[in-house]
């Protein structure tokens, strides 16, 4: 999620807003396009008790974005999978329009959040970085959902995203980073819209993509410009954990994951580097690293 880094509780609150959002869209509205070809990019769906009343059904909604990095591993952000109420369940959907699927499932399975979530996704087990939240130099804001590979393969066809080699962004150097083609993808909402009640972020729940451009590189972060006059789009609420791709040596590489940015979602996408030691150490038990 962009703006001040969101906890998963904030993600839940954001999901409550998304349920009454305007017709679905994702990523910023400017310089963006649907991404049906990015079949490795998915949405994180959760069911949880949002009112502490066992007599009422659990809540179900999509809450973040992410990417399949092998046949059974979905990469997302730790702030998407931590600080939830007891009993939360996570599902991954690779559908192009998750919001429409959830809407249809709600009509077909009223009062049954597990059936609604299962209609669009496959249930998995979350593994958040044990040291999240860490310092700003390395917040450890990374998580994976382990999934039953056969169930995933039975529902969707995809090629897992390619991860970068260790220190690959450093090796590109300033000129190489500036010359690299970057793009962001996810299911999040649009940039802020001013209205009578203040700012809102319409849309969400559909897989979209947009170009971004390099801004700055830090130990654990790559900052990507989302400014419209430069032809960029960008990420917003609900795109947390989603991919930022870089074309390196002619190949699309999952270089970083969306974590934070400016509140209105107009300027900068601050993304967690996947070529950095901290991210690679966390991912090593779950996926074969290049």
Protein backbone atom coordinates (compact mmCIF):
# COMPACT_ATOMS: atom_id res chain seq x y z
CA UNK A 1 0.00 0.00 0.00
CA UNK A 2 1.17 3.48 -0.69
CA UNK A 3 1.03 6.37 1.81
CA UNK A 4 2.42 5.77 5.27
CA UNK A 5 3.39 2.12 5.37
CA UNK A 6 0.23 0.18 6.14
CA UNK A 7 -0.12 -2.55 8.72
CA UNK A 8 -2.39 -5.45 7.90
CA UNK A 9 -5.02 -3.94 10.20
CA UNK A 10 -4.95 -0.88 7.96
CA UNK A 11 -5.20 -3.23 5.01
CA UNK A 12 -8.36 -4.66 6.53
CA UNK A 13 -9.78 -1.19 6.96
CA UNK A 14 -8.87 -0.40 3.37
CA UNK A 15 -10.66 -3.55 2.25
CA UNK A 16 -13.81 -2.29 3.93
CA UNK A 17 -13.65 0.80 1.74
CA UNK A 18 -12.97 -1.24 -1.37
CA UNK A 19 -16.15 -3.25 -0.93
CA UNK A 20 -18.19 -0.14 -1.75
CA UNK A 21 -15.81 1.26 -4.36
CA UNK A 22 -16.74 2.54 -7.79
CA UNK A 23 -16.51 0.26 -10.86
CA UNK A 24 -13.34 -1.73 -10.55
CA UNK A 25 -10.01 -0.54 -11.82
CA UNK A 26 -6.50 -0.73 -10.44
CA UNK A 27 -3.19 1.09 -10.47
CA UNK A 28 -3.51 4.83 -11.17
CA UNK A 29 -6.00 5.80 -13.86
CA UNK A 30 -3.44 7.71 -15.94
CA UNK A 31 -1.09 5.94 -18.38
CA UNK A 32 -2.38 2.55 -17.21
CA UNK A 33 -3.83 -0.47 -18.99
CA UNK A 34 -5.37 -3.85 -18.12
CA UNK A 35 -2.82 -6.65 -17.70
CA UNK A 36 -4.51 -9.94 -18.65
CA UNK A 37 -1.17 -11.26 -19.92
CA UNK A 38 0.49 -10.90 -16.50
CA UNK A 39 -0.96 -14.16 -15.30
CA UNK A 40 1.74 -14.56 -12.63
CA UNK A 41 0.43 -11.45 -10.82
CA UNK A 42 -2.34 -12.14 -8.33
CA UNK A 43 -4.47 -10.74 -5.54
CA UNK A 44 -4.30 -11.67 -1.87
CA UNK A 45 -7.79 -12.40 -0.53
CA UNK A 46 -8.53 -12.71 3.19
CA UNK A 47 -11.38 -13.84 5.38
CA UNK A 48 -11.42 -12.53 8.94
CA UNK A 49 -13.62 -11.65 11.93
CA UNK A 50 -14.02 -7.88 11.74
CA UNK A 51 -16.51 -7.36 14.58
CA UNK A 52 -15.61 -9.95 17.28
CA UNK A 53 -19.13 -11.32 17.07
CA UNK A 54 -19.12 -15.09 16.43
CA UNK A 55 -22.76 -14.90 15.36
CA UNK A 56 -21.96 -12.82 12.28
CA UNK A 57 -20.12 -14.12 9.20
CA UNK A 58 -16.46 -13.30 8.73
CA UNK A 59 -15.47 -10.57 6.33
CA UNK A 60 -14.04 -11.51 2.91
CA UNK A 61 -12.20 -9.17 0.53
CA UNK A 62 -9.08 -8.77 -1.56
CA UNK A 63 -6.48 -6.81 0.45
CA UNK A 64 -3.14 -6.74 -1.40
CA UNK A 65 -1.32 -7.80 -4.54
CA UNK A 66 1.56 -10.18 -5.19
CA UNK A 67 3.34 -12.46 -7.65
CA UNK A 68 3.86 -16.17 -8.16
CA UNK A 69 7.61 -16.84 -8.01
CA UNK A 70 7.38 -20.59 -8.47
CA UNK A 71 4.64 -23.20 -8.78
CA UNK A 72 3.52 -22.93 -5.16
CA UNK A 73 4.91 -19.65 -3.77
CA UNK A 74 3.17 -16.29 -3.88
CA UNK A 75 5.29 -13.29 -2.92
CA UNK A 76 3.70 -10.32 -1.16
CA UNK A 77 4.42 -7.84 1.68
CA UNK A 78 4.61 -8.67 5.39
CA UNK A 79 2.33 -5.78 6.28
CA UNK A 80 -0.32 -7.60 4.24
CA UNK A 81 -0.10 -10.80 6.30
CA UNK A 82 0.57 -9.63 9.89
CA UNK A 83 -1.53 -8.10 12.69
CA UNK A 84 -4.77 -9.74 11.63
CA UNK A 85 -7.39 -11.13 14.04
CA UNK A 86 -7.05 -14.76 15.08
CA UNK A 87 -8.46 -17.14 12.52
CA UNK A 88 -7.64 -15.10 9.44
CA UNK A 89 -7.36 -17.19 6.29
CA UNK A 90 -5.48 -16.21 3.16
CA UNK A 91 -6.29 -17.10 -0.42
CA UNK A 92 -4.52 -16.25 -3.67
CA UNK A 93 -6.37 -15.46 -6.87
CA UNK A 94 -4.82 -15.10 -10.32
CA UNK A 95 -8.10 -13.99 -11.87
CA UNK A 96 -8.02 -10.83 -13.95
CA UNK A 97 -11.09 -9.33 -12.20
CA UNK A 98 -11.13 -10.50 -8.59
CA UNK A 99 -13.71 -7.95 -7.47
CA UNK A 100 -16.26 -9.15 -10.01
CA UNK A 101 -15.62 -12.73 -8.91
CA UNK A 102 -16.15 -11.86 -5.26
CA UNK A 103 -19.33 -9.96 -6.09
CA UNK A 104 -20.70 -12.96 -7.97
CA UNK A 105 -19.67 -15.34 -5.19
CA UNK A 106 -21.38 -13.16 -2.57
CA UNK A 107 -24.64 -13.54 -4.48
CA UNK A 108 -24.15 -17.27 -4.91
CA UNK A 109 -22.91 -18.00 -1.37
CA UNK A 110 -24.48 -15.41 0.94
CA UNK A 111 -23.13 -15.55 4.48
CA UNK A 112 -20.39 -18.06 3.55
CA UNK A 113 -17.06 -16.21 3.34
CA UNK A 114 -15.02 -19.39 2.88
CA UNK A 115 -17.08 -20.35 -0.17
CA UNK A 116 -16.82 -16.82 -1.53
CA UNK A 117 -13.03 -16.75 -1.12
CA UNK A 118 -12.73 -20.26 -2.55
CA UNK A 119 -14.71 -19.22 -5.60
CA UNK A 120 -11.94 -16.86 -6.66
CA UNK A 121 -8.82 -18.23 -4.96
CA UNK A 122 -6.81 -21.09 -3.51
CA UNK A 123 -6.16 -21.13 0.23
CA UNK A 124 -2.55 -21.05 1.42
CA UNK A 125 -0.33 -20.59 4.44
CA UNK A 126 1.34 -17.25 5.14
CA UNK A 127 4.97 -16.95 6.20
CA UNK A 128 5.91 -13.39 7.14
CA UNK A 129 9.49 -12.32 7.77
CA UNK A 130 10.08 -13.05 11.47
CA UNK A 131 11.87 -9.71 11.96
CA UNK A 132 9.11 -7.55 10.49
CA UNK A 133 8.81 -4.66 11.17
CA UNK A 134 12.48 -3.83 11.01
CA UNK A 135 14.36 -0.54 10.75
CA UNK A 136 13.97 1.79 7.79
CA UNK A 137 17.28 0.54 6.38
CA UNK A 138 15.70 -2.93 6.03
CA UNK A 139 12.08 -3.21 7.23
CA UNK A 140 11.83 -6.93 6.36
CA UNK A 141 8.47 -6.14 4.77
CA UNK A 142 8.26 -9.37 2.83
CA UNK A 143 6.05 -12.43 3.04
CA UNK A 144 5.11 -15.51 1.04
CA UNK A 145 1.96 -17.58 0.81
CA UNK A 146 2.66 -21.27 0.30
CA UNK A 147 -0.01 -22.85 -1.88
CA UNK A 148 -0.97 -26.36 -3.02
CA UNK A 149 0.66 -26.38 -6.44
CA UNK A 150 -1.77 -28.88 -7.99
CA UNK A 151 -4.77 -26.77 -7.05
CA UNK A 152 -3.16 -23.65 -8.44
CA UNK A 153 -2.19 -25.38 -11.70
CA UNK A 154 -5.72 -26.76 -12.09
CA UNK A 155 -7.17 -23.24 -12.09
CA UNK A 156 -4.60 -21.03 -13.81
CA UNK A 157 -1.77 -21.20 -16.31
CA UNK A 158 1.20 -18.92 -15.62
CA UNK A 159 4.96 -18.64 -15.84
CA UNK A 160 6.49 -17.69 -12.46
CA UNK A 161 8.23 -14.34 -12.34
CA UNK A 162 12.01 -14.30 -12.65
CA UNK A 163 13.87 -13.02 -9.59
CA UNK A 164 17.05 -10.93 -9.85
CA UNK A 165 20.53 -12.15 -9.04
CA UNK A 166 22.22 -10.81 -5.91
CA UNK A 167 23.06 -7.11 -6.15
CA UNK A 168 21.80 -6.85 -9.73
CA UNK A 169 20.42 -3.33 -9.35
CA UNK A 170 23.71 -2.07 -7.92
CA UNK A 171 25.53 -3.61 -10.86
CA UNK A 172 23.43 -1.64 -13.34
CA UNK A 173 24.78 1.64 -11.99
CA UNK A 174 23.02 5.01 -12.24
CA UNK A 175 23.04 5.17 -16.03
CA UNK A 176 21.82 1.61 -16.39
CA UNK A 177 19.03 2.12 -13.87
CA UNK A 178 17.87 5.27 -15.64
CA UNK A 179 17.91 3.50 -19.00
CA UNK A 180 15.97 0.47 -17.73
CA UNK A 181 12.30 0.00 -18.62
CA UNK A 182 10.26 -0.31 -15.41
CA UNK A 183 6.61 -1.21 -14.86
CA UNK A 184 4.32 -1.82 -11.90
CA UNK A 185 1.32 -4.16 -11.69
CA UNK A 186 -1.38 -4.89 -9.16
CA UNK A 187 -5.03 -4.79 -8.18
CA UNK A 188 -5.04 -1.55 -6.19
CA UNK A 189 -7.16 1.55 -6.26
CA UNK A 190 -6.74 4.74 -8.26
CA UNK A 191 -5.13 8.02 -7.27
CA UNK A 192 -6.97 10.36 -4.91
CA UNK A 193 -10.18 12.01 -6.11
CA UNK A 194 -11.49 15.10 -4.32
CA UNK A 195 -15.16 15.06 -3.38
CA UNK A 196 -17.63 16.56 -0.91
CA UNK A 197 -16.52 14.17 1.81
CA UNK A 198 -12.81 14.60 1.15
CA UNK A 199 -10.43 12.44 -0.83
CA UNK A 200 -11.40 8.95 -1.96
CA UNK A 201 -9.55 6.27 -3.92
CA UNK A 202 -12.01 4.69 -6.38
CA UNK A 203 -11.74 1.34 -8.07
CA UNK A 204 -9.66 -1.71 -7.29
CA UNK A 205 -9.84 -5.45 -7.80
CA UNK A 206 -8.76 -5.67 -11.45
CA UNK A 207 -5.22 -6.52 -12.54
CA UNK A 208 -3.65 -3.49 -14.19
CA UNK A 209 -0.16 -2.32 -15.20
CA UNK A 210 1.57 1.00 -15.76
CA UNK A 211 5.03 2.26 -16.71
CA UNK A 212 7.18 3.87 -14.02
CA UNK A 213 10.70 5.27 -14.16
CA UNK A 214 13.76 5.03 -11.95
CA UNK A 215 14.24 7.66 -9.28
CA UNK A 216 16.66 6.45 -6.57
CA UNK A 217 18.32 3.36 -5.15
CA UNK A 218 19.00 2.65 -1.47
CA UNK A 219 20.21 -0.36 0.50
CA UNK A 220 16.77 -2.01 0.60
CA UNK A 221 14.65 0.30 -1.54
CA UNK A 222 14.20 1.33 -5.13
CA UNK A 223 12.15 4.48 -5.60
CA UNK A 224 10.16 4.72 -8.82
CA UNK A 225 8.58 7.87 -10.24
CA UNK A 226 4.83 7.82 -10.93
CA UNK A 227 4.55 11.32 -12.41
CA UNK A 228 2.03 11.60 -15.25
CA UNK A 229 3.82 14.23 -17.39
CA UNK A 230 6.73 11.82 -17.84
CA UNK A 231 4.37 9.15 -19.19
CA UNK A 232 4.33 7.20 -15.93
CA UNK A 233 1.48 5.58 -14.07
CA UNK A 234 1.87 4.17 -10.60
CA UNK A 235 0.71 2.14 -7.62
CA UNK A 236 -1.85 2.95 -4.95
CA UNK A 237 -3.73 1.34 -2.03
CA UNK A 238 -4.08 -2.41 -2.51
CA UNK A 239 -1.00 -2.67 -4.74
CA UNK A 240 1.15 -3.51 -1.70
CA UNK A 241 3.22 -6.63 -2.25
CA UNK A 242 2.70 -6.37 -5.99
CA UNK A 243 5.50 -6.51 -8.53
CA UNK A 244 7.76 -3.85 -9.97
CA UNK A 245 9.32 -5.32 -13.10
CA UNK A 246 12.58 -4.21 -14.72
CA UNK A 247 13.73 -5.29 -18.17
CA UNK A 248 17.29 -6.46 -17.57
CA UNK A 249 19.36 -8.09 -20.33
CA UNK A 250 16.19 -8.29 -22.42
CA UNK A 251 14.26 -10.18 -19.74
CA UNK A 252 11.45 -9.04 -17.45
CA UNK A 253 12.70 -9.41 -13.87
CA UNK A 254 10.72 -9.00 -10.65
CA UNK A 255 13.09 -6.44 -9.15
CA UNK A 256 11.06 -5.13 -6.21
CA UNK A 257 7.68 -5.21 -4.47
CA UNK A 258 5.45 -2.22 -3.77
CA UNK A 259 5.45 -1.15 -0.11
CA UNK A 260 4.74 2.56 0.37
CA UNK A 261 4.67 5.99 -1.25
CA UNK A 262 2.82 9.29 -1.14
CA UNK A 263 -0.73 9.36 0.25
CA UNK A 264 -2.53 10.70 -2.86
CA UNK A 265 -0.70 8.15 -5.06
CA UNK A 266 0.68 10.65 -7.56
CA UNK A 267 4.44 10.84 -7.06
CA UNK A 268 6.60 7.94 -5.87
CA UNK A 269 6.36 4.17 -5.46
CA UNK A 270 8.77 3.01 -2.76
CA UNK A 271 9.54 -0.66 -3.37
CA UNK A 272 11.44 -3.36 -1.48
CA UNK A 273 14.44 -4.66 -3.41
CA UNK A 274 14.54 -8.39 -4.09
CA UNK A 275 18.22 -8.43 -5.04
CA UNK A 276 19.25 -7.24 -1.55
CA UNK A 277 20.68 -9.64 1.06
CA UNK A 278 17.74 -9.40 3.46
CA UNK A 279 15.11 -10.30 0.89
CA UNK A 280 17.20 -13.10 -0.58
CA UNK A 281 17.89 -14.64 2.83
CA UNK A 282 14.17 -14.73 3.57
CA UNK A 283 13.24 -16.19 0.17
CA UNK A 284 15.96 -18.88 0.09
CA UNK A 285 13.96 -21.56 1.98
CA UNK A 286 10.94 -21.12 -0.28
CA UNK A 287 12.28 -20.72 -3.82
CA UNK A 288 15.39 -21.46 -5.86
CA UNK A 289 17.27 -18.16 -6.15
CA UNK A 290 19.25 -17.23 -9.26
